[in-house]
Protein backbone atom coordinates (compact mmCIF):
# COMPACT_ATOMS: atom_id res chain seq x y z
CA MET A 1 99.76 124.10 112.48
CA SER A 2 99.59 127.60 110.60
CA GLY A 3 103.37 127.59 110.29
CA ASN A 4 103.12 124.24 108.56
CA ARG A 5 103.61 124.24 104.58
CA ILE A 6 100.35 122.41 103.29
CA ALA A 7 100.07 120.36 100.02
CA ALA A 8 96.67 119.35 98.57
CA VAL A 9 96.60 116.15 96.77
CA LEU A 10 93.26 115.32 94.80
CA GLY A 11 92.84 111.78 93.97
CA GLY A 12 95.28 111.37 96.58
CA ASN A 13 93.96 107.91 97.81
CA GLY A 14 94.48 106.26 94.22
CA PHE A 15 97.18 104.16 93.06
CA VAL A 16 99.47 107.27 92.04
CA GLY A 17 98.20 109.33 94.66
CA GLN A 18 99.72 106.96 97.53
CA TYR A 19 103.01 107.41 96.47
CA VAL A 20 102.75 111.23 96.17
CA VAL A 21 101.30 111.58 99.34
CA GLN A 22 104.21 109.46 100.73
CA CYS A 23 106.93 111.58 98.90
CA LEU A 24 105.07 114.88 100.07
CA ALA A 25 105.11 113.61 103.72
CA GLN A 26 108.79 112.84 103.32
CA ALA A 27 109.22 116.52 101.94
CA GLY A 28 107.81 117.85 105.11
CA TYR A 29 104.31 119.08 103.83
CA MET A 30 101.07 118.49 105.80
CA VAL A 31 99.27 116.78 103.26
CA ARG A 32 95.71 116.93 102.50
CA VAL A 33 94.28 113.55 100.72
CA ALA A 34 91.42 114.85 99.15
CA SER A 35 88.98 112.40 97.13
CA ARG A 36 85.25 110.99 97.22
CA ARG A 37 86.40 108.31 99.72
CA PRO A 38 88.29 109.93 102.71
CA ASP A 39 87.63 106.58 104.53
CA LEU A 40 90.28 105.30 102.13
CA GLY A 41 92.45 108.25 102.29
CA ALA A 42 92.59 107.62 106.19
CA LEU A 43 94.76 104.48 105.56
CA LEU A 44 97.65 106.82 104.21
CA ARG A 45 97.79 108.25 107.88
CA PRO A 46 100.82 106.23 108.59
CA MET A 47 102.95 107.61 105.95
CA GLY A 48 103.71 110.71 107.79
CA ARG A 49 103.96 111.78 111.39
CA VAL A 50 100.98 112.13 113.69
CA GLY A 51 98.46 114.58 112.03
CA GLN A 52 100.79 115.05 109.10
CA VAL A 53 98.53 113.24 106.47
CA ALA A 54 94.94 114.17 106.74
CA PRO A 55 91.84 112.73 104.37
CA PHE A 56 89.62 115.22 103.41
CA TYR A 57 86.25 114.95 101.19
CA ALA A 58 86.33 116.67 98.00
CA SER A 59 84.86 115.95 94.28
CA VAL A 60 86.34 117.76 91.26
CA LEU A 61 82.63 118.38 90.24
CA ASP A 62 81.88 120.54 92.99
CA ASP A 63 83.39 124.15 93.73
CA SER A 64 82.80 124.25 97.38
CA THR A 65 84.59 121.13 98.43
CA VAL A 66 87.54 121.87 96.19
CA ALA A 67 87.86 125.38 97.37
CA CYS A 68 87.83 124.13 101.07
CA VAL A 69 90.83 121.58 100.48
CA VAL A 70 92.87 124.17 98.56
CA ARG A 71 92.66 127.21 100.87
CA GLY A 72 95.58 127.91 102.38
CA ALA A 73 97.63 125.29 100.44
CA GLU A 74 101.00 125.98 99.09
CA VAL A 75 101.05 123.25 96.57
CA VAL A 76 97.81 121.40 94.71
CA VAL A 77 98.56 118.44 93.03
CA ASN A 78 95.29 117.01 90.95
CA LEU A 79 95.51 113.59 90.21
CA ALA A 80 91.87 113.05 89.45
CA ALA A 81 90.64 111.56 86.28
CA VAL A 82 88.62 108.60 84.63
CA LEU A 83 89.83 106.35 81.81
CA SER A 84 86.22 106.18 80.73
CA SER A 85 82.70 107.48 81.20
CA SER A 86 80.29 106.03 83.46
CA SER A 87 76.61 107.08 84.74
CA SER A 88 78.14 109.17 87.72
CA GLN A 89 81.46 110.45 85.76
CA SER A 90 82.05 111.41 82.51
CA LEU A 91 85.27 112.26 80.72
CA GLN A 92 83.87 115.62 80.07
CA ALA A 93 82.99 116.25 83.74
CA VAL A 94 86.38 114.96 85.32
CA ASN A 95 88.86 115.42 82.81
CA VAL A 96 87.99 118.50 81.35
CA GLU A 97 85.61 120.44 83.51
CA GLY A 98 87.03 119.04 86.85
CA ALA A 99 90.73 119.72 85.85
CA GLY A 100 89.71 123.39 85.14
CA ARG A 101 87.73 123.49 88.24
CA VAL A 102 90.86 122.92 90.52
CA ALA A 103 93.06 124.86 88.53
CA ARG A 104 90.35 127.90 88.65
CA LEU A 105 89.96 127.59 92.59
CA ALA A 106 93.49 126.88 93.20
CA ALA A 107 94.38 130.35 91.47
CA GLU A 108 91.77 132.13 93.37
CA ALA A 109 93.11 130.73 96.55
CA GLY A 110 96.71 132.11 95.85
CA VAL A 111 98.25 128.65 95.61
CA ALA A 112 101.74 128.81 95.04
CA ARG A 113 102.63 125.70 93.02
CA TYR A 114 100.40 123.55 90.88
CA VAL A 115 100.97 120.52 89.46
CA HIS A 116 98.63 118.60 86.92
CA MET A 117 98.77 114.90 86.07
CA SER A 118 97.67 114.12 82.46
CA ALA A 119 98.73 111.38 80.27
CA LEU A 120 101.25 110.82 77.26
CA GLY A 121 99.23 110.86 74.15
CA ALA A 122 97.09 113.67 75.18
CA SER A 123 96.03 115.51 71.72
CA ASP A 124 93.31 117.26 70.42
CA THR A 125 93.73 114.86 67.62
CA ALA A 126 93.93 111.63 69.54
CA PRO A 127 92.04 108.67 68.30
CA SER A 128 90.42 108.03 71.43
CA ALA A 129 87.89 110.33 73.60
CA TYR A 130 90.00 109.75 76.55
CA GLY A 131 93.25 111.25 74.83
CA ARG A 132 91.14 114.28 73.65
CA SER A 133 89.65 114.59 77.05
CA ARG A 134 93.02 114.93 78.65
CA ALA A 135 94.23 117.41 76.19
CA ALA A 136 91.09 119.63 76.82
CA GLY A 137 91.79 119.51 80.14
CA GLU A 138 95.36 120.68 79.87
CA ALA A 139 93.94 123.49 78.13
CA LEU A 140 91.49 124.23 80.73
CA VAL A 141 94.53 124.50 83.29
CA ARG A 142 96.75 126.48 81.35
CA GLN A 143 93.89 129.03 80.91
CA TYR A 144 93.64 129.36 84.74
CA ARG A 145 97.18 128.41 85.89
CA PRO A 146 99.80 129.29 83.01
CA ASP A 147 102.43 128.34 85.39
CA ALA A 148 101.19 124.61 85.97
CA SER A 149 103.48 121.87 85.60
CA ILE A 150 101.75 119.28 83.45
CA VAL A 151 103.06 115.58 83.89
CA ARG A 152 102.45 113.21 81.01
CA PRO A 153 103.36 109.47 81.85
CA SER A 154 103.02 106.51 79.63
CA VAL A 155 101.53 103.47 81.10
CA ILE A 156 102.16 103.42 84.93
CA PHE A 157 102.90 100.17 86.61
CA GLY A 158 103.69 99.14 90.19
CA PRO A 159 102.60 96.50 92.87
CA GLU A 160 99.01 97.89 92.83
CA ASP A 161 98.39 98.55 89.31
CA LYS A 162 95.56 97.39 86.91
CA PHE A 163 98.05 96.89 83.63
CA PHE A 164 100.65 93.76 84.65
CA ASN A 165 98.17 92.47 87.27
CA LEU A 166 95.46 92.29 84.47
CA PHE A 167 97.94 90.44 82.52
CA GLY A 168 98.90 88.27 85.33
CA ALA A 169 95.37 87.44 86.08
CA LEU A 170 94.73 86.50 82.51
CA ALA A 171 97.97 84.22 82.53
CA ARG A 172 96.45 82.35 85.79
CA TYR A 173 92.86 81.75 84.36
CA ALA A 174 92.64 82.15 80.92
CA PRO A 175 93.12 79.18 78.55
CA PHE A 176 95.42 81.27 76.51
CA MET A 177 96.80 84.89 76.66
CA PRO A 178 94.70 87.51 74.51
CA VAL A 179 96.53 90.36 73.01
CA TYR A 180 94.75 93.39 71.93
CA GLY A 181 96.84 95.80 69.81
CA ALA A 182 99.72 93.76 69.55
CA THR A 183 102.33 95.75 67.77
CA THR A 184 101.42 98.84 69.81
CA ARG A 185 104.33 100.22 71.65
CA VAL A 186 104.16 101.43 75.23
CA GLN A 187 107.25 102.68 77.67
CA PRO A 188 106.14 101.46 81.09
CA VAL A 189 106.98 103.69 83.94
CA TYR A 190 107.38 102.70 87.53
CA VAL A 191 104.70 104.59 89.90
CA GLY A 192 107.28 105.68 92.43
CA ASP A 193 109.45 107.30 89.69
CA VAL A 194 106.41 109.18 88.51
CA ALA A 195 105.69 110.12 92.29
CA GLN A 196 109.30 111.46 92.50
CA VAL A 197 108.88 113.89 89.46
CA VAL A 198 105.41 115.22 90.96
CA ALA A 199 107.12 115.88 94.33
CA ARG A 200 110.13 117.41 92.43
CA LEU A 201 107.75 119.64 90.69
CA ALA A 202 105.70 120.74 93.66
CA THR A 203 108.64 121.52 95.70
CA THR A 204 110.86 123.34 93.31
CA PRO A 205 109.34 126.71 91.87
CA ASP A 206 111.99 126.89 89.17
CA LEU A 207 110.38 123.91 87.35
CA ALA A 208 106.98 125.63 86.81
CA GLY A 209 105.39 126.14 83.57
CA ARG A 210 106.36 123.01 81.69
CA VAL A 211 105.22 119.63 80.22
CA TRP A 212 107.26 117.00 81.49
CA GLN A 213 106.86 113.50 79.42
CA LEU A 214 107.62 110.40 81.22
CA GLY A 215 108.60 106.81 79.84
CA GLY A 216 110.55 103.90 81.58
CA PRO A 217 113.76 102.71 80.20
CA GLU A 218 112.15 99.85 78.01
CA VAL A 219 109.92 100.28 74.78
CA MET A 220 107.44 97.20 74.83
CA THR A 221 104.98 95.95 72.27
CA MET A 222 101.84 94.85 73.90
CA GLN A 223 102.68 91.40 72.40
CA ASP A 224 106.35 91.73 74.50
CA ILE A 225 104.23 92.32 77.79
CA ALA A 226 102.10 89.32 77.00
CA ALA A 227 105.23 87.14 76.56
CA PHE A 228 106.92 88.75 79.63
CA THR A 229 103.99 88.10 81.94
CA LEU A 230 103.81 84.46 80.86
CA GLN A 231 107.44 83.92 81.52
CA GLN A 232 107.18 85.18 85.10
CA THR A 233 104.25 83.75 85.78
CA GLN A 234 105.56 80.28 84.71
CA ARG A 235 102.58 79.55 82.43
CA ASN A 236 102.98 77.84 79.27
CA LYS A 237 99.97 79.19 77.37
CA PRO A 238 99.61 80.24 73.74
CA ILE A 239 99.45 84.18 72.86
CA VAL A 240 96.74 84.87 70.73
CA ARG A 241 96.32 88.06 68.77
CA VAL A 242 92.68 89.09 68.99
CA PRO A 243 91.46 90.25 65.57
CA ASP A 244 90.24 93.99 65.53
CA VAL A 245 86.79 93.08 64.34
CA VAL A 246 86.37 90.53 67.11
CA ALA A 247 88.01 92.98 69.58
CA ARG A 248 85.41 95.64 69.23
CA LEU A 249 82.66 93.02 69.48
CA GLN A 250 84.22 91.93 72.51
CA ALA A 251 84.72 95.51 73.98
CA ALA A 252 81.06 96.32 72.98
CA VAL A 253 80.00 93.90 75.59
CA LEU A 254 82.67 94.22 78.02
CA GLU A 255 82.26 98.18 78.39
CA ARG A 256 78.49 97.62 79.57
CA LEU A 257 79.54 95.23 82.41
CA PRO A 258 80.73 96.24 86.01
CA GLY A 259 84.67 97.21 85.91
CA LYS A 260 84.77 97.91 82.21
CA MET A 261 87.62 95.26 81.46
CA LEU A 262 87.67 96.37 77.97
CA THR A 263 86.11 99.49 76.11
CA ARG A 264 85.83 100.32 72.26
CA ASP A 265 87.92 103.65 73.51
CA GLN A 266 90.64 101.41 74.99
CA LEU A 267 90.96 99.91 71.58
CA LEU A 268 91.31 103.16 70.21
CA MET A 269 93.93 104.15 72.51
CA LEU A 270 96.02 100.93 71.29
CA SER A 271 95.93 102.21 67.67
CA GLN A 272 98.85 104.35 68.16
CA ASP A 273 102.18 104.37 70.04
CA ASN A 274 102.25 105.62 73.70
CA VAL A 275 106.13 106.46 74.03
CA VAL A 276 108.23 109.63 74.52
CA PRO A 277 109.65 111.20 71.77
CA PRO A 278 113.40 111.24 71.54
CA ALA A 279 115.18 113.81 73.83
CA GLU A 280 112.07 114.72 75.32
CA SER A 281 112.21 112.77 78.48
CA GLY A 282 111.49 114.68 81.80
CA PHE A 283 113.65 111.97 83.85
CA GLU A 284 116.74 113.16 81.68
CA VAL A 285 115.95 116.60 82.52
CA LEU A 286 115.77 115.95 86.13
CA GLY A 287 118.69 113.63 86.48
CA ILE A 288 116.40 110.77 87.55
CA VAL A 289 117.27 107.26 86.13
CA PRO A 290 113.83 105.57 86.11
CA GLN A 291 113.32 102.01 87.28
CA SER A 292 112.80 99.23 84.69
CA VAL A 293 109.93 96.81 84.29
CA GLN A 294 112.80 93.84 84.82
CA ALA A 295 113.59 95.49 88.29
CA CYS A 296 110.12 95.81 89.71
CA VAL A 297 107.52 93.54 88.01
CA PRO A 298 108.63 89.93 88.37
CA PHE A 299 108.32 90.60 92.22
CA TYR A 300 104.40 91.06 92.30
CA LEU A 301 103.92 88.74 89.13
CA GLU A 302 104.91 85.85 91.32
CA ARG A 303 101.60 85.75 93.00
CA TYR A 304 100.21 84.62 89.64
CA ARG A 305 102.49 81.44 89.61
CA ALA A 306 101.13 78.02 90.38
CA GLY A 307 101.01 77.92 94.19
CA GLY A 308 101.45 81.84 94.66
CA GLY A 309 104.63 83.45 95.27
CA GLN A 310 106.01 85.76 97.87
CA SER A 311 104.27 88.61 99.53
CA GLY A 312 105.28 91.96 101.02
CA VAL A 313 106.56 95.53 100.29
CA PHE A 314 108.35 95.79 97.31
CA VAL A 315 111.45 98.22 97.77
CA PRO A 316 113.09 99.34 94.50
CA GLN A 317 116.88 99.04 94.11
CA ARG A 318 118.75 101.82 92.83
């Protein structure tokens, strides 16, 4: 085992993490899937050879567990983040201090390559607390790992996402399709493409120290996404633009409920576009052609049609 290359993936059992783990395993790494729920990480074992993918307990809030999981690793990828604060995890604790903690301990352990997952729109002047926390996290990562590769994707989609699937559920159960931030533009990016970039950065020393902004081939407004979902689910329902005042009142209630379906901070995120600036696409630099929404999403939105749809594993066509 000592002769094997090791990659540690913090947040490895999450939506993006499972795709990153698979890419790194295919690249020949022994992958440590680190999270607060190693029982879920155990489900990823079949993504590699026997013993190649192993679950570890680690919390980005704790030095000792992170130090344990990064020790001896050649590559560390930090995907751990939260979208909003809760009683147990705040934006400051996870997205800022946690990001700095993992970077610092990886530096102390002599890890050769470091990849940090951030978000498109991360900025000190972002309207949302989430966007500002991501920028602060990046700054701490740079403090300890100036050579870190920082990945900033737009909205990520895939069969297990909480984006198109949420719209699909609304299309099925709601009497109408509510839309928040109807004219805000996003650039949805396929999770497998994001994972491919992360794996490339983790395995290519020459690409270190840069920021990689990722967006798919389509720029869509939130209303475009609602209309697309209704079309794909074959639901004939009106699209209703929720007024800002009503949206804030709804968010004030929903953010207090389990699952936090909508928060006031998310509404602030929707107050500005989330697209990659012209000529700054990381995909173009790496020579990767990203998958489109049209090519991927209809497959898993079929389940929200009347009578359901097909099930199985989506395999993107290139």
